Amino acid sequence: MIRLTEPRAWRALGAGLVLGAALAPRAALSQPTIPWPPHAMNRPRPPAVTPAPSAPLVAPPSDAIVLFDGRTLSAWRSDSTAPAKWKVQSGYAEIVPGSGEITTRRAFGSGQYHIEWASPSPATGKGQDRGNSGVFLMGRYEIQVLDSYRSETYPDGQAGAVYAQHPPLVNASRPPGRWQSYDIIFHRPLFDQAGRLVRPARVTMFHNGVLVQDDVELTGPVAHGSRPPYEAHADRLPLSLQDHGTRVRFRNIWVREIPDSTAPRR
């Protein structure tokens, strides 16, 4: 078990349960930065920890919006109108390589996101070719899905990373084929009426019950090999799951919407 010793980790965990504040005018901010270039192989590797050996289904709380209960992908689409093309069987949805990403029909912003996934077993490939997918919050802020169990890749691209930005604090991966869980507390970015950034997006995340992102500040949307600046967008946008060509499975996906907090950062 990981002890949460940083006060902000406790605050962020509580924020996933109760948040509320009225929006207020804020001064525009400059673009956040990270000292490491994207995908630096010499960036320090997160140490591996052993999570609980299995991931029981976590029942959605009463106020959750259930996006996938193991039976139908009716809450998802492949493009603007087409039904999702991934395979549904035995309580999970499996990527059909080449069929494209799937996107929720409903739009979301700040919230507590629960996603369970499993990489293919036996494992094939290595690095970024091993069980690759991604959870795209608002369609543009990616939490990496990857088989990172005893597998090397660039730290900001392994399981639990904010892709191309923040490696996880630790590698809490289970072996391939085992169910894994992501619990993500996401605060969307805020923009003023002129479209200028007044507060960047922030993420706290637990991978298999282990803290791996502690209230990190996102530099903008994700991209391979670069860090594009923020561009103003709607307050709510759909959630997407990536087709990266491997048969990753997903189950038990739900969201709890939370109000946007405008309390000053400390």
C-alpha atoms as a PDB file:
ATOM      1  CA  MET A   1       0.000   0.000   0.000  1.00  0.00           C
ATOM      2  CA  ILE A   2       1.267   3.495  -0.849  1.00  0.00           C
ATOM      3  CA  ARG A   3       0.966   6.134   1.856  1.00  0.00           C
ATOM      4  CA  LEU A   4      -0.053   9.573   0.624  1.00  0.00           C
ATOM      5  CA  THR A   5       2.416  11.821   2.372  1.00  0.00           C
ATOM      6  CA  GLU A   6       1.960  14.921   0.206  1.00  0.00           C
ATOM      7  CA  PRO A   7      -0.896  17.134   1.463  1.00  0.00           C
ATOM      8  CA  ARG A   8      -1.982  17.958  -2.064  1.00  0.00           C
ATOM      9  CA  ALA A   9      -2.532  14.257  -2.805  1.00  0.00           C
ATOM     10  CA  TRP A  10      -5.067  14.139   0.024  1.00  0.00           C
ATOM     11  CA  ARG A  11      -6.674  17.348  -1.214  1.00  0.00           C
ATOM     12  CA  ALA A  12      -6.942  16.012  -4.762  1.00  0.00           C
ATOM     13  CA  LEU A  13      -8.438  12.711  -3.626  1.00  0.00           C
ATOM     14  CA  GLY A  14     -11.064  14.618  -1.681  1.00  0.00           C
ATOM     15  CA  ALA A  15     -11.627  16.812  -4.724  1.00  0.00           C
ATOM     16  CA  GLY A  16     -12.747  13.729  -6.607  1.00  0.00           C
ATOM     17  CA  LEU A  17     -15.625  13.439  -4.144  1.00  0.00           C
ATOM     18  CA  VAL A  18     -16.743  17.018  -3.460  1.00  0.00           C
ATOM     19  CA  LEU A  19     -15.868  20.154  -5.430  1.00  0.00           C
ATOM     20  CA  GLY A  20     -17.717  23.401  -5.950  1.00  0.00           C
ATOM     21  CA  ALA A  21     -17.014  27.023  -6.667  1.00  0.00           C
ATOM     22  CA  ALA A  22     -18.496  29.783  -8.784  1.00  0.00           C
ATOM     23  CA  LEU A  23     -16.462  30.835 -11.802  1.00  0.00           C
ATOM     24  CA  ALA A  24     -14.669  34.149 -11.322  1.00  0.00           C
ATOM     25  CA  PRO A  25     -12.512  36.348 -13.591  1.00  0.00           C
ATOM     26  CA  ARG A  26      -8.830  35.372 -13.556  1.00  0.00           C
ATOM     27  CA  ALA A  27      -5.677  36.839 -15.026  1.00  0.00           C
ATOM     28  CA  ALA A  28      -4.314  35.138 -18.148  1.00  0.00           C
ATOM     29  CA  LEU A  29      -1.362  32.762 -17.637  1.00  0.00           C
ATOM     30  CA  SER A  30       1.718  31.994 -19.688  1.00  0.00           C
ATOM     31  CA  GLN A  31       2.181  28.569 -21.252  1.00  0.00           C
ATOM     32  CA  PRO A  32       3.241  25.920 -18.653  1.00  0.00           C
ATOM     33  CA  THR A  33       6.569  24.209 -19.371  1.00  0.00           C
ATOM     34  CA  ILE A  34       8.441  21.004 -18.468  1.00  0.00           C
ATOM     35  CA  PRO A  35      12.275  20.948 -18.246  1.00  0.00           C
ATOM     36  CA  TRP A  36      12.627  17.602 -20.065  1.00  0.00           C
ATOM     37  CA  PRO A  37      12.121  17.318 -23.843  1.00  0.00           C
ATOM     38  CA  PRO A  38       9.307  14.983 -24.964  1.00  0.00           C
ATOM     39  CA  HIS A  39      10.171  11.268 -24.881  1.00  0.00           C
ATOM     40  CA  ALA A  40      13.645  11.757 -23.381  1.00  0.00           C
ATOM     41  CA  MET A  41      15.106   8.291 -22.838  1.00  0.00           C
ATOM     42  CA  ASN A  42      17.506   9.617 -20.176  1.00  0.00           C
ATOM     43  CA  ARG A  43      14.660  10.944 -18.042  1.00  0.00           C
ATOM     44  CA  PRO A  44      14.606   9.116 -14.670  1.00  0.00           C
ATOM     45  CA  ARG A  45      12.667   5.854 -14.798  1.00  0.00           C
ATOM     46  CA  PRO A  46       9.750   5.517 -12.366  1.00  0.00           C
ATOM     47  CA  PRO A  47      10.488   2.696  -9.912  1.00  0.00           C
ATOM     48  CA  ALA A  48       8.322  -0.404 -10.169  1.00  0.00           C
ATOM     49  CA  VAL A  49       5.951  -1.261  -7.344  1.00  0.00           C
ATOM     50  CA  THR A  50       3.733  -4.322  -6.942  1.00  0.00           C
ATOM     51  CA  PRO A  51       0.026  -3.455  -6.747  1.00  0.00           C
ATOM     52  CA  ALA A  52      -2.665  -5.800  -5.464  1.00  0.00           C
ATOM     53  CA  PRO A  53      -2.581  -8.942  -7.647  1.00  0.00           C
ATOM     54  CA  SER A  54      -6.074  -8.593  -9.095  1.00  0.00           C
ATOM     55  CA  ALA A  55      -8.590  -5.917  -9.990  1.00  0.00           C
ATOM     56  CA  PRO A  56     -12.140  -6.702  -8.887  1.00  0.00           C
ATOM     57  CA  LEU A  57     -14.886  -4.801 -10.657  1.00  0.00           C
ATOM     58  CA  VAL A  58     -15.507  -1.480  -8.916  1.00  0.00           C
ATOM     59  CA  ALA A  59     -19.246  -0.851  -8.912  1.00  0.00           C
ATOM     60  CA  PRO A  60     -20.142   2.659 -10.114  1.00  0.00           C
ATOM     61  CA  PRO A  61     -21.434   4.988  -7.368  1.00  0.00           C
ATOM     62  CA  SER A  62     -25.029   6.151  -7.570  1.00  0.00           C
ATOM     63  CA  ASP A  63     -24.189   9.485  -9.221  1.00  0.00           C
ATOM     64  CA  ALA A  64     -21.939   8.016 -11.912  1.00  0.00           C
ATOM     65  CA  ILE A  65     -22.650   8.148 -15.643  1.00  0.00           C
ATOM     66  CA  VAL A  66     -22.006   4.601 -16.864  1.00  0.00           C
ATOM     67  CA  LEU A  67     -20.368   4.619 -20.296  1.00  0.00           C
ATOM     68  CA  PHE A  68     -19.738   0.877 -20.646  1.00  0.00           C
ATOM     69  CA  ASP A  69     -21.211  -1.866 -18.475  1.00  0.00           C
ATOM     70  CA  GLY A  70     -19.892  -4.817 -20.471  1.00  0.00           C
ATOM     71  CA  ARG A  71     -22.990  -5.245 -22.622  1.00  0.00           C
ATOM     72  CA  THR A  72     -23.191  -2.523 -25.267  1.00  0.00           C
ATOM     73  CA  LEU A  73     -21.207   0.357 -26.756  1.00  0.00           C
ATOM     74  CA  SER A  74     -24.355   2.363 -27.436  1.00  0.00           C
ATOM     75  CA  ALA A  75     -22.859   5.326 -25.495  1.00  0.00           C
ATOM     76  CA  TRP A  76     -19.982   5.431 -28.013  1.00  0.00           C
ATOM     77  CA  ARG A  77     -19.512   6.128 -31.717  1.00  0.00           C
ATOM     78  CA  SER A  78     -16.766   5.639 -34.310  1.00  0.00           C
ATOM     79  CA  ASP A  79     -17.272   8.996 -36.006  1.00  0.00           C
ATOM     80  CA  SER A  80     -19.985  11.631 -35.989  1.00  0.00           C
ATOM     81  CA  THR A  81     -22.785   9.124 -36.612  1.00  0.00           C
ATOM     82  CA  ALA A  82     -21.483   5.560 -36.998  1.00  0.00           C
ATOM     83  CA  PRO A  83     -21.805   2.994 -34.177  1.00  0.00           C
ATOM     84  CA  ALA A  84     -18.606   1.961 -32.385  1.00  0.00           C
ATOM     85  CA  LYS A  85     -16.889  -0.862 -34.273  1.00  0.00           C
ATOM     86  CA  TRP A  86     -15.015  -2.561 -31.445  1.00  0.00           C
ATOM     87  CA  LYS A  87     -15.917  -6.124 -30.450  1.00  0.00           C
ATOM     88  CA  VAL A  88     -18.051  -6.651 -27.332  1.00  0.00           C
ATOM     89  CA  GLN A  89     -18.005 -10.063 -25.653  1.00  0.00           C
ATOM     90  CA  SER A  90     -17.760 -11.662 -22.215  1.00  0.00           C
ATOM     91  CA  GLY A  91     -18.234  -8.328 -20.424  1.00  0.00           C
ATOM     92  CA  TYR A  92     -15.519  -6.352 -22.197  1.00  0.00           C
ATOM     93  CA  ALA A  93     -14.930  -4.348 -25.376  1.00  0.00           C
ATOM     94  CA  GLU A  94     -11.852  -5.233 -27.435  1.00  0.00           C
ATOM     95  CA  ILE A  95     -10.142  -2.992 -29.958  1.00  0.00           C
ATOM     96  CA  VAL A  96     -10.519  -4.174 -33.551  1.00  0.00           C
ATOM     97  CA  PRO A  97      -7.215  -2.970 -35.034  1.00  0.00           C
ATOM     98  CA  GLY A  98      -7.766  -0.543 -37.869  1.00  0.00           C
ATOM     99  CA  SER A  99     -11.363   0.243 -36.904  1.00  0.00           C
ATOM    100  CA  GLY A 100     -10.400   3.592 -35.377  1.00  0.00           C
ATOM    101  CA  GLU A 101     -10.912   5.239 -32.014  1.00  0.00           C
ATOM    102  CA  ILE A 102     -14.232   5.271 -30.224  1.00  0.00           C
ATOM    103  CA  THR A 103     -15.715   8.447 -28.780  1.00  0.00           C
ATOM    104  CA  THR A 104     -18.521   9.063 -26.319  1.00  0.00           C
ATOM    105  CA  ARG A 105     -21.738  10.505 -27.681  1.00  0.00           C
ATOM    106  CA  ARG A 106     -21.929  12.659 -24.559  1.00  0.00           C
ATOM    107  CA  ALA A 107     -19.455  15.436 -23.729  1.00  0.00           C
ATOM    108  CA  PHE A 108     -17.610  15.827 -20.409  1.00  0.00           C
ATOM    109  CA  GLY A 109     -15.273  18.245 -18.666  1.00  0.00           C
ATOM    110  CA  SER A 110     -13.960  18.082 -15.103  1.00  0.00           C
ATOM    111  CA  GLY A 111     -14.687  14.760 -13.494  1.00  0.00           C
ATOM    112  CA  GLN A 112     -13.663  11.516 -11.839  1.00  0.00           C
ATOM    113  CA  TYR A 113     -13.046   8.962 -14.585  1.00  0.00           C
ATOM    114  CA  HIS A 114     -12.869   5.210 -13.925  1.00  0.00           C
ATOM    115  CA  ILE A 115     -11.533   2.923 -16.671  1.00  0.00           C
ATOM    116  CA  GLU A 116     -10.470  -0.729 -16.477  1.00  0.00           C
ATOM    117  CA  TRP A 117      -8.314  -2.272 -19.198  1.00  0.00           C
ATOM    118  CA  ALA A 118      -6.162  -5.293 -20.015  1.00  0.00           C
ATOM    119  CA  SER A 119      -3.318  -5.632 -22.515  1.00  0.00           C
ATOM    120  CA  PRO A 120      -3.041  -8.711 -24.775  1.00  0.00           C
ATOM    121  CA  SER A 121      -1.573 -11.911 -23.378  1.00  0.00           C
ATOM    122  CA  PRO A 122       0.837 -13.351 -24.282  1.00  0.00           C
ATOM    123  CA  ALA A 123       2.619 -10.065 -24.854  1.00  0.00           C
ATOM    124  CA  THR A 124       4.089  -9.328 -28.263  1.00  0.00           C
ATOM    125  CA  GLY A 125       6.297  -6.493 -29.421  1.00  0.00           C
ATOM    126  CA  LYS A 126       8.202  -4.136 -27.190  1.00  0.00           C
ATOM    127  CA  GLY A 127       8.151  -0.531 -26.065  1.00  0.00           C
ATOM    128  CA  GLN A 128       5.348   1.459 -27.674  1.00  0.00           C
ATOM    129  CA  ASP A 129       4.263  -1.545 -29.766  1.00  0.00           C
ATOM    130  CA  ARG A 130       3.187  -3.520 -26.705  1.00  0.00           C
ATOM    131  CA  GLY A 131      -0.474  -3.195 -25.716  1.00  0.00           C
ATOM    132  CA  ASN A 132      -0.744   0.447 -26.765  1.00  0.00           C
ATOM    133  CA  SER A 133      -3.921   2.526 -26.430  1.00  0.00           C
ATOM    134  CA  GLY A 134      -4.879   5.747 -24.709  1.00  0.00           C
ATOM    135  CA  VAL A 135      -7.581   7.532 -22.734  1.00  0.00           C
ATOM    136  CA  PHE A 136      -8.166  10.976 -24.272  1.00  0.00           C
ATOM    137  CA  LEU A 137      -9.858  13.320 -21.806  1.00  0.00           C
ATOM    138  CA  MET A 138     -11.863  15.888 -23.755  1.00  0.00           C
ATOM    139  CA  GLY A 139     -10.434  14.194 -26.847  1.00  0.00           C
ATOM    140  CA  ARG A 140      -7.031  15.883 -26.439  1.00  0.00           C
ATOM    141  CA  TYR A 141      -5.402  15.230 -23.032  1.00  0.00           C
ATOM    142  CA  GLU A 142      -4.062  11.657 -23.101  1.00  0.00           C
ATOM    143  CA  ILE A 143      -3.419   9.220 -20.285  1.00  0.00           C
ATOM    144  CA  GLN A 144      -1.286   6.484 -21.810  1.00  0.00           C
ATOM    145  CA  VAL A 145      -2.440   2.860 -21.843  1.00  0.00           C
ATOM    146  CA  LEU A 146       0.478   0.486 -22.416  1.00  0.00           C
ATOM    147  CA  ASP A 147       1.795  -2.879 -21.296  1.00  0.00           C
ATOM    148  CA  SER A 148       4.608  -1.546 -19.113  1.00  0.00           C
ATOM    149  CA  TYR A 149       5.108  -4.699 -17.059  1.00  0.00           C
ATOM    150  CA  ARG A 150       8.860  -5.361 -17.194  1.00  0.00           C
ATOM    151  CA  SER A 151       8.983  -3.474 -20.480  1.00  0.00           C
ATOM    152  CA  GLU A 152      11.076  -0.406 -21.280  1.00  0.00           C
ATOM    153  CA  THR A 153      10.018   2.700 -23.179  1.00  0.00           C
ATOM    154  CA  TYR A 154      10.418   6.430 -22.728  1.00  0.00           C
ATOM    155  CA  PRO A 155       9.148   7.366 -19.240  1.00  0.00           C
ATOM    156  CA  ASP A 156       6.577   9.916 -20.440  1.00  0.00           C
ATOM    157  CA  GLY A 157       5.011   7.241 -22.654  1.00  0.00           C
ATOM    158  CA  GLN A 158       4.573   4.332 -20.251  1.00  0.00           C
ATOM    159  CA  ALA A 159       1.367   3.211 -18.551  1.00  0.00           C
ATOM    160  CA  GLY A 160      -0.025   5.912 -16.289  1.00  0.00           C
ATOM    161  CA  ALA A 161       1.842   8.759 -18.002  1.00  0.00           C
ATOM    162  CA  VAL A 162       0.319  11.992 -19.186  1.00  0.00           C
ATOM    163  CA  TYR A 163       1.630  11.291 -22.657  1.00  0.00           C
ATOM    164  CA  ALA A 164       4.727  13.290 -23.674  1.00  0.00           C
ATOM    165  CA  GLN A 165       4.503  15.334 -20.453  1.00  0.00           C
ATOM    166  CA  HIS A 166       4.504  13.583 -17.066  1.00  0.00           C
ATOM    167  CA  PRO A 167       5.811  10.070 -16.334  1.00  0.00           C
ATOM    168  CA  PRO A 168       3.989   8.255 -13.530  1.00  0.00           C
ATOM    169  CA  LEU A 169       5.501   8.513 -10.056  1.00  0.00           C
ATOM    170  CA  VAL A 170       5.861   4.711 -10.051  1.00  0.00           C
ATOM    171  CA  ASN A 171       5.241   1.843 -12.448  1.00  0.00           C
ATOM    172  CA  ALA A 172       2.219   0.067 -10.913  1.00  0.00           C
ATOM    173  CA  SER A 173       1.554  -2.257 -13.859  1.00  0.00           C
ATOM    174  CA  ARG A 174       0.146  -5.749 -13.549  1.00  0.00           C
ATOM    175  CA  PRO A 175       1.267  -8.502 -15.968  1.00  0.00           C
ATOM    176  CA  PRO A 176      -0.246  -8.624 -19.463  1.00  0.00           C
ATOM    177  CA  GLY A 177      -3.747 -10.086 -19.572  1.00  0.00           C
ATOM    178  CA  ARG A 178      -4.577  -8.934 -16.023  1.00  0.00           C
ATOM    179  CA  TRP A 179      -7.232  -6.303 -15.495  1.00  0.00           C
ATOM    180  CA  GLN A 180      -5.874  -2.893 -14.522  1.00  0.00           C
ATOM    181  CA  SER A 181      -7.713   0.168 -13.252  1.00  0.00           C
ATOM    182  CA  TYR A 182      -7.304   3.878 -13.804  1.00  0.00           C
ATOM    183  CA  ASP A 183      -8.999   6.381 -11.501  1.00  0.00           C
ATOM    184  CA  ILE A 184      -8.414   9.851 -12.903  1.00  0.00           C
ATOM    185  CA  ILE A 185      -9.412  13.140 -11.288  1.00  0.00           C
ATOM    186  CA  PHE A 186      -9.350  15.690 -14.075  1.00  0.00           C
ATOM    187  CA  HIS A 187      -9.818  19.447 -13.865  1.00  0.00           C
ATOM    188  CA  ARG A 188     -10.290  20.951 -17.284  1.00  0.00           C
ATOM    189  CA  PRO A 189      -8.415  24.089 -18.360  1.00  0.00           C
ATOM    190  CA  LEU A 190     -10.160  27.427 -17.987  1.00  0.00           C
ATOM    191  CA  PHE A 191     -10.084  30.176 -20.612  1.00  0.00           C
ATOM    192  CA  ASP A 192     -11.271  33.762 -20.465  1.00  0.00           C
ATOM    193  CA  GLN A 193     -13.751  35.268 -22.919  1.00  0.00           C
ATOM    194  CA  ALA A 194     -10.907  36.191 -25.259  1.00  0.00           C
ATOM    195  CA  GLY A 195      -9.749  32.560 -25.362  1.00  0.00           C
ATOM    196  CA  ARG A 196      -6.657  33.122 -23.214  1.00  0.00           C
ATOM    197  CA  LEU A 197      -5.607  30.470 -20.706  1.00  0.00           C
ATOM    198  CA  VAL A 198      -6.383  31.407 -17.097  1.00  0.00           C
ATOM    199  CA  ARG A 199      -5.818  27.983 -15.519  1.00  0.00           C
ATOM    200  CA  PRO A 200      -4.187  24.883 -17.055  1.00  0.00           C
ATOM    201  CA  ALA A 201      -5.693  21.421 -16.836  1.00  0.00           C
ATOM    202  CA  ARG A 202      -4.632  19.294 -13.860  1.00  0.00           C
ATOM    203  CA  VAL A 203      -4.640  15.553 -13.246  1.00  0.00           C
ATOM    204  CA  THR A 204      -4.449  13.323 -10.196  1.00  0.00           C
ATOM    205  CA  MET A 205      -4.470   9.620 -10.959  1.00  0.00           C
ATOM    206  CA  PHE A 206      -4.375   6.200  -9.323  1.00  0.00           C
ATOM    207  CA  HIS A 207      -3.201   3.149 -11.288  1.00  0.00           C
ATOM    208  CA  ASN A 208      -4.337  -0.082  -9.647  1.00  0.00           C
ATOM    209  CA  GLY A 209      -5.001   1.891  -6.470  1.00  0.00           C
ATOM    210  CA  VAL A 210      -1.502   3.413  -6.425  1.00  0.00           C
ATOM    211  CA  LEU A 211      -0.952   7.170  -6.739  1.00  0.00           C
ATOM    212  CA  VAL A 212       0.902   7.816 -10.023  1.00  0.00           C
ATOM    213  CA  GLN A 213       0.018  11.453 -10.841  1.00  0.00           C
ATOM    214  CA  ASP A 214      -0.210  13.944  -7.987  1.00  0.00           C
ATOM    215  CA  ASP A 215      -2.097  17.067  -9.105  1.00  0.00           C
ATOM    216  CA  VAL A 216       0.171  17.637 -12.119  1.00  0.00           C
ATOM    217  CA  GLU A 217      -0.241  20.640 -14.401  1.00  0.00           C
ATOM    218  CA  LEU A 218      -0.671  19.875 -18.101  1.00  0.00           C
ATOM    219  CA  THR A 219       1.238  21.966 -20.630  1.00  0.00           C
ATOM    220  CA  GLY A 220      -1.534  21.675 -23.226  1.00  0.00           C
ATOM    221  CA  PRO A 221      -2.956  18.963 -25.492  1.00  0.00           C
ATOM    222  CA  VAL A 222      -0.809  15.920 -26.183  1.00  0.00           C
ATOM    223  CA  ALA A 223       1.157  15.188 -29.349  1.00  0.00           C
ATOM    224  CA  HIS A 224       3.919  12.767 -30.267  1.00  0.00           C
ATOM    225  CA  GLY A 225       7.318  14.383 -29.898  1.00  0.00           C
ATOM    226  CA  SER A 226       6.049  17.868 -29.075  1.00  0.00           C
ATOM    227  CA  ARG A 227       4.021  19.887 -26.579  1.00  0.00           C
ATOM    228  CA  PRO A 228       1.546  22.111 -28.398  1.00  0.00           C
ATOM    229  CA  PRO A 229       0.205  25.159 -26.579  1.00  0.00           C
ATOM    230  CA  TYR A 230      -3.339  25.390 -25.283  1.00  0.00           C
ATOM    231  CA  GLU A 231      -6.085  26.462 -27.634  1.00  0.00           C
ATOM    232  CA  ALA A 232      -9.430  27.585 -26.265  1.00  0.00           C
ATOM    233  CA  HIS A 233     -12.153  24.956 -26.556  1.00  0.00           C
ATOM    234  CA  ALA A 234     -15.606  24.105 -25.256  1.00  0.00           C
ATOM    235  CA  ASP A 235     -16.198  23.474 -21.551  1.00  0.00           C
ATOM    236  CA  ARG A 236     -17.246  19.897 -22.350  1.00  0.00           C
ATOM    237  CA  LEU A 237     -15.963  17.569 -25.068  1.00  0.00           C
ATOM    238  CA  PRO A 238     -16.272  13.800 -25.650  1.00  0.00           C
ATOM    239  CA  LEU A 239     -13.994  11.183 -24.087  1.00  0.00           C
ATOM    240  CA  SER A 240     -12.084   8.997 -26.583  1.00  0.00           C
ATOM    241  CA  LEU A 241     -10.292   5.635 -26.448  1.00  0.00           C
ATOM    242  CA  GLN A 242      -7.495   5.094 -28.951  1.00  0.00           C
ATOM    243  CA  ASP A 243      -7.040   2.351 -31.538  1.00  0.00           C
ATOM    244  CA  HIS A 244      -3.256   1.965 -31.758  1.00  0.00           C
ATOM    245  CA  GLY A 245      -3.341  -1.380 -33.547  1.00  0.00           C
ATOM    246  CA  THR A 246      -3.303  -3.772 -30.577  1.00  0.00           C
ATOM    247  CA  ARG A 247      -6.206  -5.730 -29.084  1.00  0.00           C
ATOM    248  CA  VAL A 248      -6.443  -3.969 -25.737  1.00  0.00           C
ATOM    249  CA  ARG A 249      -9.644  -4.699 -23.788  1.00  0.00           C
ATOM    250  CA  PHE A 250     -11.769  -2.305 -21.754  1.00  0.00           C
ATOM    251  CA  ARG A 251     -14.535  -2.759 -19.203  1.00  0.00           C
ATOM    252  CA  ASN A 252     -16.408  -0.898 -16.440  1.00  0.00           C
ATOM    253  CA  ILE A 253     -16.079   2.684 -17.657  1.00  0.00           C
ATOM    254  CA  TRP A 254     -17.873   5.439 -15.766  1.00  0.00           C
ATOM    255  CA  VAL A 255     -17.626   9.142 -15.002  1.00  0.00           C
ATOM    256  CA  ARG A 256     -18.643  11.339 -12.073  1.00  0.00           C
ATOM    257  CA  GLU A 257     -18.920  14.942 -13.167  1.00  0.00           C
ATOM    258  CA  ILE A 258     -17.480  17.490 -10.727  1.00  0.00           C
ATOM    259  CA  PRO A 259     -17.882  21.288 -10.683  1.00  0.00           C
ATOM    260  CA  ASP A 260     -15.080  23.486 -11.902  1.00  0.00           C
ATOM    261  CA  SER A 261     -13.121  24.878  -8.971  1.00  0.00           C
ATOM    262  CA  THR A 262     -11.665  28.347  -9.396  1.00  0.00           C
ATOM    263  CA  ALA A 263      -9.932  28.496  -6.025  1.00  0.00           C
ATOM    264  CA  PRO A 264      -6.436  30.009  -6.391  1.00  0.00           C
ATOM    265  CA  ARG A 265      -3.578  27.497  -6.761  1.00  0.00           C
ATOM    266  CA  ARG A 266      -1.129  27.416  -3.886  1.00  0.00           C
END
